[in-house]
Protein backbone atom coordinates (compact mmCIF):
# COMPACT_ATOMS: atom_id res chain seq x y z
CA PRO A 1 60.97 -51.76 -116.73
CA VAL A 2 58.80 -54.03 -114.37
CA LEU A 3 59.81 -57.35 -113.36
CA LEU A 4 56.08 -59.72 -112.72
CA GLU A 5 56.85 -63.22 -111.53
CA HIS A 6 53.97 -65.42 -110.49
CA CYS A 7 53.76 -69.02 -109.04
CA VAL A 8 50.85 -70.99 -110.77
CA ASP A 9 50.07 -72.08 -107.26
CA ASP A 10 49.84 -69.10 -105.34
CA PRO A 11 47.24 -69.76 -102.47
CA LEU A 12 46.89 -65.98 -102.42
CA VAL A 13 46.65 -64.24 -105.46
CA LEU A 14 45.44 -65.82 -108.54
CA VAL A 15 47.35 -65.95 -110.99
CA ARG A 16 44.97 -64.54 -113.57
CA HIS A 17 45.14 -61.71 -111.66
CA GLY A 18 49.19 -61.68 -112.26
CA ARG A 19 47.95 -61.97 -116.18
CA THR A 20 45.90 -59.23 -115.84
CA LEU A 21 48.30 -56.94 -114.08
CA ARG A 22 50.94 -57.69 -116.38
CA ASP A 23 48.53 -57.24 -119.58
CA THR A 24 47.35 -53.67 -117.85
CA LEU A 25 50.84 -52.15 -117.38
CA ALA A 26 51.92 -53.62 -121.19
CA GLY A 27 48.68 -51.30 -121.99
CA PHE A 28 49.79 -48.52 -120.57
CA GLY A 29 53.43 -49.16 -122.29
CA ALA A 30 55.21 -50.29 -119.50
CA ASP A 31 58.10 -52.57 -120.32
CA VAL A 32 57.11 -55.80 -118.77
CA THR A 33 59.14 -58.83 -118.48
CA TRP A 34 56.74 -61.58 -117.17
CA SER A 35 57.56 -65.09 -115.37
CA GLU A 36 55.29 -67.87 -114.59
CA TYR A 37 56.23 -71.01 -112.51
CA PRO A 38 54.18 -73.90 -111.68
CA ASP A 39 55.17 -73.79 -107.49
CA GLY A 40 56.43 -71.70 -105.41
CA GLY A 41 53.48 -70.28 -103.32
CA HIS A 42 52.90 -66.79 -102.23
CA TRP A 43 56.72 -66.39 -102.94
CA PHE A 44 59.86 -66.71 -105.21
CA ASN A 45 60.36 -69.92 -107.47
CA SER A 46 63.64 -71.06 -106.17
CA PRO A 47 66.14 -71.06 -107.52
CA ALA A 48 64.72 -69.78 -111.23
CA GLY A 49 63.01 -67.45 -110.16
CA MET A 50 65.45 -65.69 -107.75
CA GLU A 51 67.84 -65.74 -110.28
CA GLU A 52 65.87 -64.58 -112.80
CA ALA A 53 65.36 -61.20 -110.33
CA ALA A 54 69.24 -61.16 -110.24
CA VAL A 55 69.65 -61.09 -113.94
CA PHE A 56 66.82 -58.43 -114.43
CA LEU A 57 68.20 -56.65 -111.44
CA GLU A 58 71.44 -56.92 -112.79
CA ARG A 59 70.78 -55.51 -116.10
CA VAL A 60 68.33 -52.70 -115.32
CA LEU A 61 70.10 -51.14 -112.53
CA GLY A 62 73.84 -52.38 -114.20
CA ILE A 63 75.24 -53.77 -111.12
CA ARG A 64 76.98 -57.46 -110.45
CA TRP A 65 76.16 -58.92 -107.75
CA ALA A 66 79.03 -61.01 -106.89
CA THR A 67 80.91 -57.81 -107.35
CA ASP A 68 78.91 -54.81 -106.46
CA ALA A 69 76.05 -56.24 -104.10
CA GLY A 70 78.25 -58.75 -101.92
CA VAL A 71 77.00 -62.49 -101.65
CA LYS A 72 73.19 -62.72 -102.60
CA SER A 73 71.09 -64.29 -100.19
CA GLU A 74 67.58 -65.59 -100.11
CA ALA A 75 65.39 -64.74 -97.23
CA GLY A 76 61.65 -65.15 -96.65
CA SER A 77 59.19 -68.31 -96.31
CA ALA A 78 56.45 -69.46 -98.69
CA VAL A 79 52.95 -68.88 -98.02
CA ARG A 80 51.24 -72.38 -98.14
CA GLY A 81 47.86 -73.78 -97.43
CA SER A 82 45.73 -70.90 -97.28
CA SER A 83 42.84 -70.99 -98.27
CA ASP A 84 42.44 -67.25 -98.51
CA ALA A 85 43.07 -66.60 -102.36
CA MET A 86 42.39 -62.90 -103.57
CA ASP A 87 39.49 -63.20 -106.43
CA LEU A 88 38.51 -59.55 -106.99
CA ASP A 89 35.84 -60.39 -109.00
């Protein structure tokens, strides 16, 4: 199983490249869960993206964050304002 979450406003990796990765992995038979968010930059959309990642890991790994892994935490910061978007075309 693969979880892909992409923010449309990501300044570093354009959302169309995320969609291409999703389609490529699915074409190889991967079990892909895809979520697209309007904002969040080059990080998770918070809180929706973080919650979805936790639910995905709970399902795939069979753990319960509140009891098995302790308190959930958020770390990192969004990269914003960069004009260095990755364009692979």
